[in-house]
Protein backbone atom coordinates (compact mmCIF):
# COMPACT_ATOMS: atom_id res chain seq x y z
CA MET A 1 115.84 142.03 104.34
CA ASP A 2 113.12 139.69 105.57
CA GLN A 3 109.77 141.12 106.56
CA PRO A 4 108.36 140.00 109.93
CA ALA A 5 106.96 136.50 109.67
CA THR A 6 103.23 136.27 109.04
CA PRO A 7 101.66 134.92 112.22
CA ARG A 8 100.97 131.22 111.91
CA ASP A 9 98.27 129.31 113.71
CA PRO A 10 100.26 127.93 116.69
CA THR A 11 98.13 124.78 116.67
CA ALA A 12 98.85 124.00 113.00
CA LEU A 13 101.13 121.05 112.31
CA PRO A 14 103.04 119.95 109.22
CA VAL A 15 101.42 117.28 107.07
CA ARG A 16 101.42 113.77 108.50
CA VAL A 17 100.30 110.29 107.52
CA PRO A 18 96.84 109.16 108.68
CA LEU A 19 97.74 106.07 110.68
CA ALA A 20 95.46 103.05 111.12
CA SER A 21 92.73 103.34 113.74
CA ARG A 22 91.52 99.70 113.51
CA PRO A 23 92.85 96.25 112.51
CA LEU A 24 92.98 95.53 108.77
CA GLY A 25 92.20 92.26 106.95
CA VAL A 26 94.43 90.67 104.33
CA MET A 27 92.97 92.38 101.24
CA GLU A 28 92.62 95.73 102.99
CA THR A 29 96.22 95.39 104.14
CA LEU A 30 97.30 94.76 100.54
CA GLY A 31 95.42 97.77 99.18
CA THR A 32 96.75 100.02 101.92
CA ALA A 33 100.33 98.80 101.49
CA ARG A 34 100.25 99.46 97.74
CA ARG A 35 98.86 102.97 98.31
CA ASN A 36 101.00 103.99 101.29
CA LEU A 37 102.83 101.47 103.44
CA LEU A 38 102.88 103.83 106.43
CA GLU A 39 99.08 103.73 106.70
CA LEU A 40 99.49 100.15 107.97
CA ILE A 41 101.04 101.52 111.17
CA PRO A 42 98.46 101.62 113.98
CA GLU A 43 98.05 105.04 115.57
CA ILE A 44 98.71 103.42 118.96
CA ALA A 45 102.29 102.76 117.80
CA THR A 46 103.04 106.44 118.45
CA ARG A 47 102.19 105.89 122.14
CA GLN A 48 103.50 102.38 122.85
CA PRO A 49 106.97 100.76 122.89
CA MET A 50 105.78 97.75 120.87
CA VAL A 51 102.67 96.59 119.01
CA SER A 52 102.10 92.99 117.84
CA GLY A 53 99.52 91.26 115.66
CA ARG A 54 98.94 88.71 112.92
CA THR A 55 98.11 89.17 109.24
CA VAL A 56 98.62 85.57 108.08
CA LYS A 57 102.10 85.79 109.69
CA ARG A 58 102.92 87.04 113.20
CA TRP A 59 104.36 90.55 113.23
CA HIS A 60 105.75 93.03 115.75
CA MET A 61 106.32 96.78 115.39
CA VAL A 62 109.06 98.03 117.71
CA MET A 63 109.39 101.63 118.88
CA ASP A 64 111.51 100.99 122.01
CA PRO A 65 115.13 102.24 121.79
CA GLY A 66 116.47 99.34 123.87
CA ALA A 67 114.76 96.78 121.66
CA ASN A 68 115.96 98.64 118.54
CA ARG A 69 119.50 98.41 119.86
CA ARG A 70 119.09 94.65 120.20
CA ILE A 71 117.65 94.23 116.68
CA LEU A 72 120.19 96.46 114.93
CA LYS A 73 123.30 95.85 117.03
CA ASP A 74 123.42 93.37 119.90
CA ALA A 75 121.56 90.51 118.16
CA LEU A 76 122.17 91.57 114.57
CA GLY A 77 122.51 88.00 113.30
CA THR A 78 119.09 87.07 114.67
CA TYR A 79 117.35 89.78 112.63
CA PRO A 80 118.39 89.74 108.94
CA LYS A 81 116.55 91.90 106.43
CA SER A 82 113.11 90.53 105.65
CA ASP A 83 112.40 88.38 102.62
CA VAL A 84 110.10 91.07 101.19
CA THR A 85 112.85 93.68 101.40
CA LYS A 86 115.22 91.38 99.55
CA LEU A 87 112.61 90.51 96.91
CA ILE A 88 112.11 94.20 96.16
CA LEU A 89 115.75 95.24 96.11
CA ARG A 90 117.78 92.24 94.97
CA PRO A 91 116.69 92.44 91.27
CA ALA A 92 118.21 95.92 91.05
CA ILE A 93 121.18 95.86 93.41
CA GLY A 94 122.01 92.16 93.69
CA GLU A 95 123.99 91.07 96.73
CA SER A 96 125.35 94.54 97.42
CA LEU A 97 125.97 96.05 100.84
CA PHE A 98 122.31 96.94 101.31
CA VAL A 99 121.04 93.38 100.83
CA ALA A 100 123.94 91.04 101.69
CA GLU A 101 124.09 89.32 105.07
CA GLY A 102 126.79 87.89 107.32
CA ALA A 103 130.32 87.43 106.03
CA HIS A 104 129.41 88.52 102.49
CA TRP A 105 128.14 91.85 103.84
CA LEU A 106 131.09 92.30 106.22
CA TRP A 107 133.87 92.03 103.66
CA GLN A 108 132.09 94.42 101.28
CA ARG A 109 131.61 96.91 104.09
CA ARG A 110 135.30 96.74 104.94
CA ALA A 111 136.27 97.17 101.30
CA ALA A 112 133.96 100.14 100.73
CA ALA A 113 134.54 101.93 104.05
CA PRO A 114 137.62 103.94 102.95
CA ALA A 115 135.63 105.51 100.11
CA PHE A 116 133.35 107.09 102.72
CA SER A 117 136.02 108.21 105.18
CA PRO A 118 135.69 111.83 106.40
CA ARG A 119 138.70 112.82 104.27
CA HIS A 120 137.17 111.49 101.05
CA VAL A 121 133.68 112.82 101.81
CA GLU A 122 135.08 116.32 102.44
CA ALA A 123 137.08 116.11 99.20
CA LEU A 124 133.81 115.61 97.29
CA ALA A 125 132.28 118.81 98.72
CA PRO A 126 133.17 121.04 95.71
CA VAL A 127 130.85 118.91 93.57
CA MET A 128 128.06 119.61 96.07
CA THR A 129 128.85 123.34 96.12
CA ALA A 130 128.73 123.49 92.31
CA ALA A 131 125.39 121.65 92.26
CA ALA A 132 123.99 124.05 94.88
CA GLU A 133 125.03 127.01 92.71
CA ARG A 134 123.36 125.52 89.61
CA ALA A 135 120.20 124.76 91.59
CA ALA A 136 120.07 128.36 92.83
CA ARG A 137 120.39 129.64 89.26
CA ARG A 138 117.56 127.39 88.06
CA ILE A 139 115.29 128.40 90.94
CA GLY A 140 116.12 132.04 90.23
CA GLN A 141 114.69 131.60 86.74
CA THR A 142 111.33 130.60 88.26
CA ALA A 143 111.31 133.41 90.83
CA GLY A 144 107.80 134.55 91.69
CA ARG A 145 106.15 131.54 90.06
CA GLN A 146 104.91 128.31 91.54
CA ALA A 147 107.42 125.49 91.12
CA ASN A 148 107.76 121.87 92.21
CA LEU A 149 110.87 122.03 94.37
CA PHE A 150 110.98 118.24 94.72
CA ASP A 151 111.77 117.93 91.02
CA GLU A 152 114.47 120.57 91.38
CA MET A 153 116.05 118.79 94.35
CA VAL A 154 116.06 115.49 92.43
CA THR A 155 117.92 117.22 89.61
CA ALA A 156 120.46 118.75 91.98
CA THR A 157 121.22 115.60 93.94
CA PHE A 158 121.38 113.44 90.82
CA GLU A 159 124.00 115.81 89.43
CA VAL A 160 126.00 115.28 92.62
CA ILE A 161 125.76 111.49 92.67
CA ALA A 162 126.54 111.25 88.96
CA ASP A 163 129.65 113.40 89.32
CA VAL A 164 131.01 111.78 92.47
CA THR A 165 130.24 108.24 91.36
CA LEU A 166 131.19 108.14 87.69
CA SER A 167 132.72 111.48 86.80
CA GLY A 168 133.53 111.91 83.14
CA THR A 169 132.52 108.38 82.12
CA PRO A 170 131.06 108.41 78.57
CA ALA A 171 129.26 105.08 79.09
CA PHE A 172 127.14 106.60 81.87
CA ASP A 173 124.03 108.25 80.41
CA ARG A 174 122.62 110.28 83.30
CA ALA A 175 119.19 110.80 81.76
CA GLU A 176 118.80 107.11 80.91
CA VAL A 177 119.85 105.97 84.37
CA HIS A 178 117.48 108.48 85.96
CA ARG A 179 114.58 107.20 83.84
CA ALA A 180 115.49 103.62 84.71
CA ILE A 181 115.52 104.34 88.45
CA ASN A 182 112.09 105.96 88.34
CA ALA A 183 110.66 103.12 86.26
CA TYR A 184 112.10 100.56 88.68
CA ILE A 185 110.53 102.25 91.70
CA ASP A 186 107.17 102.60 89.94
CA THR A 187 106.99 98.97 88.76
CA THR A 188 108.81 97.03 91.46
CA ALA A 189 108.62 98.59 94.89
CA LYS A 190 104.96 98.02 95.74
CA VAL A 191 104.02 95.13 98.02
CA SER A 192 102.21 92.20 96.35
CA LEU A 193 99.59 89.84 97.75
CA LEU A 194 102.22 87.09 97.70
CA ASP A 195 104.35 89.19 100.04
CA ILE A 196 101.44 89.72 102.44
CA ILE A 197 100.57 86.02 102.71
CA GLY A 198 104.20 84.99 103.07
CA ALA A 199 104.52 83.04 99.80
CA PRO A 200 108.01 81.56 99.23
CA THR A 201 110.54 83.82 97.58
CA TRP A 202 110.80 81.51 94.55
CA VAL A 203 107.16 82.23 93.59
CA PRO A 204 107.46 84.99 90.92
CA ARG A 205 105.90 88.40 91.55
CA LEU A 206 104.67 89.46 88.09
CA SER A 207 105.04 93.21 88.69
CA ARG A 208 108.72 92.71 89.44
CA LEU A 209 109.28 90.57 86.38
CA ARG A 210 108.19 93.52 84.23
CA ALA A 211 111.15 95.52 85.51
CA GLY A 212 113.60 93.20 83.74
CA PRO A 213 114.39 95.42 80.70
CA VAL A 214 114.85 98.49 82.92
CA LEU A 215 117.24 96.65 85.21
CA ARG A 216 119.26 95.26 82.30
CA THR A 217 119.72 98.82 81.01
CA MET A 218 121.10 100.01 84.35
CA ARG A 219 123.38 97.02 84.75
CA SER A 220 124.82 97.20 81.24
CA MET A 221 125.67 100.89 81.60
CA ALA A 222 127.36 100.27 84.95
CA ASP A 223 129.32 97.33 83.52
CA ARG A 224 130.53 99.43 80.57
CA ALA A 225 131.54 102.26 82.88
CA ILE A 226 133.56 99.86 85.06
CA ALA A 227 135.27 98.31 82.02
CA GLU A 228 136.15 101.74 80.62
CA ARG A 229 137.58 102.95 83.93
CA ARG A 230 139.73 99.84 84.25
CA GLY A 231 141.09 100.65 80.80
CA THR A 232 141.70 104.36 81.28
CA GLY A 233 142.81 104.41 84.91
CA PRO A 234 141.61 106.61 87.77
CA SER A 235 140.26 110.12 87.35
CA LEU A 236 141.75 113.09 89.21
CA PRO A 237 140.59 113.65 91.85
CA PRO A 238 139.42 110.05 92.29
CA ASP A 239 135.67 109.50 92.24
CA LEU A 240 133.68 106.82 94.02
CA LEU A 241 134.22 104.24 91.29
CA ASP A 242 138.01 104.73 91.54
CA LEU A 243 137.87 104.33 95.31
CA LEU A 244 135.79 101.15 95.05
CA LEU A 245 138.14 99.73 92.41
CA GLU A 246 141.01 100.31 94.82
CA GLY A 247 139.12 99.12 97.88
CA ALA A 248 139.97 95.79 99.49
CA ASP A 249 139.03 93.88 102.61
CA PRO A 250 141.87 94.85 105.00
CA GLU A 251 141.91 91.34 106.50
CA THR A 252 141.84 89.22 103.33
CA GLY A 253 142.86 91.61 100.56
CA ARG A 254 139.78 90.56 98.56
CA ARG A 255 138.60 93.08 95.95
CA MET A 256 135.19 93.44 94.37
CA SER A 257 134.43 91.64 91.14
CA THR A 258 132.77 93.51 88.25
CA ALA A 259 129.35 92.23 89.36
CA GLU A 260 129.97 93.30 92.97
CA LEU A 261 131.24 96.70 91.86
CA ARG A 262 128.18 97.14 89.65
CA ASP A 263 125.71 96.17 92.35
CA ASN A 264 127.26 98.54 94.87
CA LEU A 265 127.53 101.38 92.35
CA LEU A 266 123.84 101.03 91.54
CA THR A 267 123.06 100.97 95.27
CA PHE A 268 124.88 104.25 95.80
CA ILE A 269 123.33 105.83 92.69
CA VAL A 270 119.76 104.78 93.51
CA ALA A 271 119.95 105.56 97.23
CA GLY A 272 122.42 108.41 97.09
CA HIS A 273 120.31 110.91 95.21
CA GLU A 274 116.72 109.91 96.00
CA THR A 275 117.06 110.07 99.79
CA THR A 276 118.92 113.40 99.85
CA ALA A 277 116.51 114.95 97.34
CA LEU A 278 113.61 113.91 99.56
CA THR A 279 115.29 115.37 102.65
CA LEU A 280 115.86 118.70 100.91
CA ALA A 281 112.35 118.88 99.46
CA TRP A 282 110.76 118.17 102.84
CA ALA A 283 113.13 120.67 104.50
CA LEU A 284 112.05 123.42 102.10
CA TYR A 285 108.40 122.53 102.73
CA LEU A 286 108.97 122.81 106.50
CA CYS A 287 110.77 126.15 106.14
CA ALA A 288 107.86 127.47 104.09
CA PHE A 289 105.46 126.07 106.68
CA ASP A 290 107.19 127.95 109.53
CA PRO A 291 108.41 131.37 108.29
CA SER A 292 109.92 132.28 111.65
CA ILE A 293 112.36 129.37 111.50
CA GLN A 294 113.07 130.14 107.84
CA ILE A 295 113.96 133.74 108.73
CA ARG A 296 116.37 132.59 111.44
CA ALA A 297 118.02 130.13 109.08
CA ARG A 298 118.30 132.72 106.31
CA ALA A 299 119.97 135.17 108.68
CA GLU A 300 122.50 132.50 109.64
CA ALA A 301 123.18 131.43 106.06
CA SER A 302 123.40 134.99 104.71
CA ALA A 303 125.84 136.04 107.42
CA VAL A 304 128.13 133.11 106.61
CA LEU A 305 127.80 132.94 102.82
CA GLY A 306 126.92 136.36 101.48
CA ASN A 307 126.24 135.74 97.78
CA ARG A 308 128.29 132.56 97.36
CA ALA A 309 127.34 128.92 97.62
CA ALA A 310 128.15 127.03 100.79
CA GLN A 311 131.39 125.09 101.11
CA VAL A 312 132.40 122.33 103.47
CA THR A 313 134.42 124.77 105.61
CA ASP A 314 131.21 126.73 106.28
CA LEU A 315 129.38 123.83 107.89
CA PRO A 316 130.43 124.47 111.54
CA ALA A 317 128.87 127.96 111.27
CA LEU A 318 125.61 126.66 109.75
CA SER A 319 124.30 124.94 112.85
CA LEU A 320 120.62 125.90 112.44
CA CYS A 321 120.61 124.78 108.81
CA ARG A 322 122.01 121.44 109.95
CA ARG A 323 119.40 121.18 112.73
CA ILE A 324 116.67 121.78 110.15
CA ILE A 325 118.05 118.80 108.22
CA ASP A 326 118.10 116.69 111.39
CA GLU A 327 114.52 117.62 112.29
CA THR A 328 113.38 117.00 108.70
CA LEU A 329 114.86 113.50 108.90
CA ARG A 330 112.92 112.98 112.12
CA LEU A 331 109.57 114.05 110.70
CA TYR A 332 110.00 112.62 107.19
CA PRO A 333 112.71 109.92 107.24
CA PRO A 334 113.28 108.70 103.66
CA ALA A 335 113.73 105.12 104.90
CA ALA A 336 110.63 105.29 107.07
CA PHE A 337 110.03 101.57 107.57
CA LEU A 338 112.55 98.78 108.17
CA SER A 339 111.60 95.11 108.20
CA ARG A 340 113.42 92.08 109.58
CA THR A 341 112.68 88.35 109.81
CA ALA A 342 113.54 86.65 113.11
CA ARG A 343 116.02 83.86 112.48
CA GLY A 344 115.51 82.34 115.93
CA PRO A 345 113.58 82.77 119.18
CA ASP A 346 114.13 85.92 121.21
CA ARG A 347 112.41 88.37 123.55
CA LEU A 348 111.79 92.06 122.90
CA CYS A 349 110.15 94.33 125.50
CA GLY A 350 109.37 91.17 127.46
CA ARG A 351 107.42 89.72 124.53
CA GLU A 352 108.11 86.37 122.84
CA ILE A 353 109.61 86.47 119.35
CA ARG A 354 109.40 83.23 117.37
CA ARG A 355 111.51 82.08 114.45
CA GLY A 356 109.96 83.42 111.24
CA ASP A 357 108.16 86.35 112.88
CA THR A 358 108.28 89.63 110.99
CA VAL A 359 109.87 92.32 113.16
CA MET A 360 109.34 95.84 111.89
CA LEU A 361 110.97 99.11 112.88
CA PRO A 362 108.47 101.77 111.75
CA ILE A 363 110.93 104.66 111.86
CA TYR A 364 108.10 107.09 111.08
CA ALA A 365 106.25 106.04 114.28
CA LEU A 366 109.48 105.83 116.31
CA HIS A 367 110.31 109.45 115.43
CA ARG A 368 106.79 110.57 116.43
CA ASN A 369 106.46 108.45 119.56
CA HIS A 370 105.04 110.43 122.49
CA LEU A 371 107.12 108.40 124.96
CA LEU A 372 110.33 109.62 123.32
CA TRP A 373 109.64 113.07 121.83
CA PRO A 374 107.70 115.99 123.40
CA ASP A 375 104.99 117.28 121.06
CA PRO A 376 106.35 114.93 118.38
CA ASP A 377 104.37 116.18 115.36
CA ARG A 378 105.65 119.75 115.78
CA PHE A 379 108.51 121.09 113.62
CA ASP A 380 111.23 122.16 116.08
CA PRO A 381 114.86 122.05 114.89
CA ASP A 382 116.04 123.12 118.35
CA ARG A 383 115.34 119.59 119.60
CA PHE A 384 118.83 118.93 118.25
CA LEU A 385 120.65 121.70 120.11
CA ASP A 386 122.08 118.98 122.36
CA PRO A 387 122.07 115.78 120.27
CA ASP A 388 123.82 113.84 123.04
CA ARG A 389 120.56 113.94 125.03
CA ILE A 390 118.76 111.95 122.31
CA ASP A 391 118.96 108.16 122.64
CA ARG A 392 120.96 106.83 119.71
CA PHE A 393 118.30 104.22 118.96
CA ALA A 394 115.35 106.62 119.27
CA TYR A 395 116.49 108.51 116.15
CA LEU A 396 117.26 106.25 113.19
CA PRO A 397 117.05 108.10 109.86
CA PHE A 398 120.10 106.14 108.67
CA GLY A 399 119.47 102.96 110.63
CA GLY A 400 121.86 102.00 113.40
CA GLY A 401 124.45 99.54 114.60
CA PRO A 402 127.07 97.99 112.29
CA ARG A 403 124.76 98.35 109.28
CA ILE A 404 124.17 102.08 109.66
CA CYS A 405 124.05 103.75 106.23
CA ILE A 406 127.60 103.99 104.94
CA GLY A 407 126.76 107.25 103.14
CA ALA A 408 125.20 109.10 106.10
CA SER A 409 127.95 111.72 106.44
CA PHE A 410 127.95 112.25 102.66
CA ALA A 411 124.17 112.85 102.66
CA LEU A 412 124.22 115.23 105.65
CA GLN A 413 127.08 117.25 104.15
CA GLU A 414 125.34 117.53 100.79
CA ALA A 415 121.95 118.42 102.23
CA THR A 416 123.33 121.16 104.49
CA ILE A 417 125.40 122.71 101.68
CA ILE A 418 122.44 122.88 99.30
CA LEU A 419 119.85 123.99 101.89
CA ALA A 420 122.02 126.81 103.26
CA THR A 421 122.79 128.06 99.75
CA LEU A 422 119.10 128.20 98.84
CA LEU A 423 117.90 129.75 102.10
CA ALA A 424 120.50 132.52 101.84
CA ARG A 425 119.14 133.56 98.45
CA PHE A 426 115.40 132.87 98.43
CA ARG A 427 112.28 133.24 100.50
CA PHE A 428 110.09 130.14 100.14
CA GLU A 429 106.33 130.37 100.57
CA PRO A 430 103.68 127.62 100.35
CA VAL A 431 101.17 127.40 97.52
CA ALA A 432 97.62 127.37 98.86
CA GLY A 433 95.84 124.06 98.39
CA ARG A 434 98.97 122.19 97.28
CA ASP A 435 100.29 120.62 100.46
CA PRO A 436 102.35 117.48 99.80
CA GLU A 437 101.04 114.13 101.01
CA PRO A 438 103.68 111.86 102.64
CA ALA A 439 103.45 108.39 101.09
CA LEU A 440 105.89 105.51 101.47
CA ILE A 441 106.42 103.19 98.53
CA LEU A 442 110.16 102.55 98.57
CA THR A 443 110.98 105.90 100.18
CA LEU A 444 108.86 108.55 101.92
CA ARG A 445 107.88 110.73 98.97
CA PRO A 446 105.77 113.92 98.83
CA GLU A 447 102.84 112.82 96.67
CA GLY A 448 101.81 115.69 94.42
CA GLY A 449 105.23 117.32 94.75
CA VAL A 450 106.47 120.16 96.97
CA TRP A 451 104.99 123.24 95.35
CA LEU A 452 106.44 126.48 96.65
CA CYS A 453 106.91 130.02 95.44
CA ALA A 454 110.52 131.22 95.64
CA THR A 455 111.35 134.94 95.59
CA PRO A 456 114.77 136.59 96.00
CA ALA A 457 115.54 137.22 99.66
């Protein structure tokens, strides 16, 4: 049974990014962007609907829900993904769903949509339950000792994505793909000076050229896995690769080529484990930060689960665990910064947008904006007791509009299953002097790890 929570300083807040307090020049912007992209956001962005400026190119940061709706939904064609975003991602994931625009994006979305239907996502839940059980066993072996729970969550979510994407495929070397993903992020995802000054996309960025061998390794393994599956036929139950092989645009009947299958598989593998691992690691940090909320969540999870791992049928009864995930995604959204390039003139919040302007959606600042969220830096899962009261375009952990993340329901299901399983079995406490530092390179990572001490509950 839990002991009463140790009183916590009511004024203490979870770790946050130190936002910019003054304008930055070109070289200072470059250095800051390479260290932590979120530090480019001006502090005033948490108290304004829109902030504009110029760093070689004109830019606008938008925190207004109505303007976000226009960018992501009503005028989607006017705001394609920025050139910098494409430069970073295209070498790894080609013209997949995440990067493609217009008709090429639309037919892929239609072809892939059935794979992420509620029926198929629920059918994949046993893989998540098994991964949660293995994670609990591994954490149990470290009981009473300091451990980096971010590393453990990466392991757990990579097991899930490997099993649901390419189950039982000999050509898929999990360890090699995992190493390749980390190397790609480390060598490719940082902003270059050429990005800052708006150099044409055909000018090579040397740091990204170095990622070539890593990317070839990932592509060749994915290609071999696709070829093998075409030869052996679908697995039972079907995994994501089977569903994509069967998927077709319902209007044209077009199916994905090997290259298109590969690019989308790599998208789901890269994004599908990293973002959920981050969500879980930050959620455990927040539960350790606020023992009173952790105790409430443990009581809920223990009452529902007893000594077993969570299953998909348990989710309706795990409402606080789910709200903790929702609030974690507000405070530490993995995709914390979206960037678009205006294709034509427009107006946002009454302000002129010109063709070629960079239009940014700093999700981190949106989720902490004082105009939208009371006491926005405080950890309070009960903000989500009535989610219908929250403007759809004020809360964008998965983006919004037609291009909302296709795997959102998959990620939320997985995160809730794993979090509830762990909270039912362990008490998580912070390690003094080892607070994580939120830093955005490609995703919002906890620099230094999430070091906690887990003891049996």
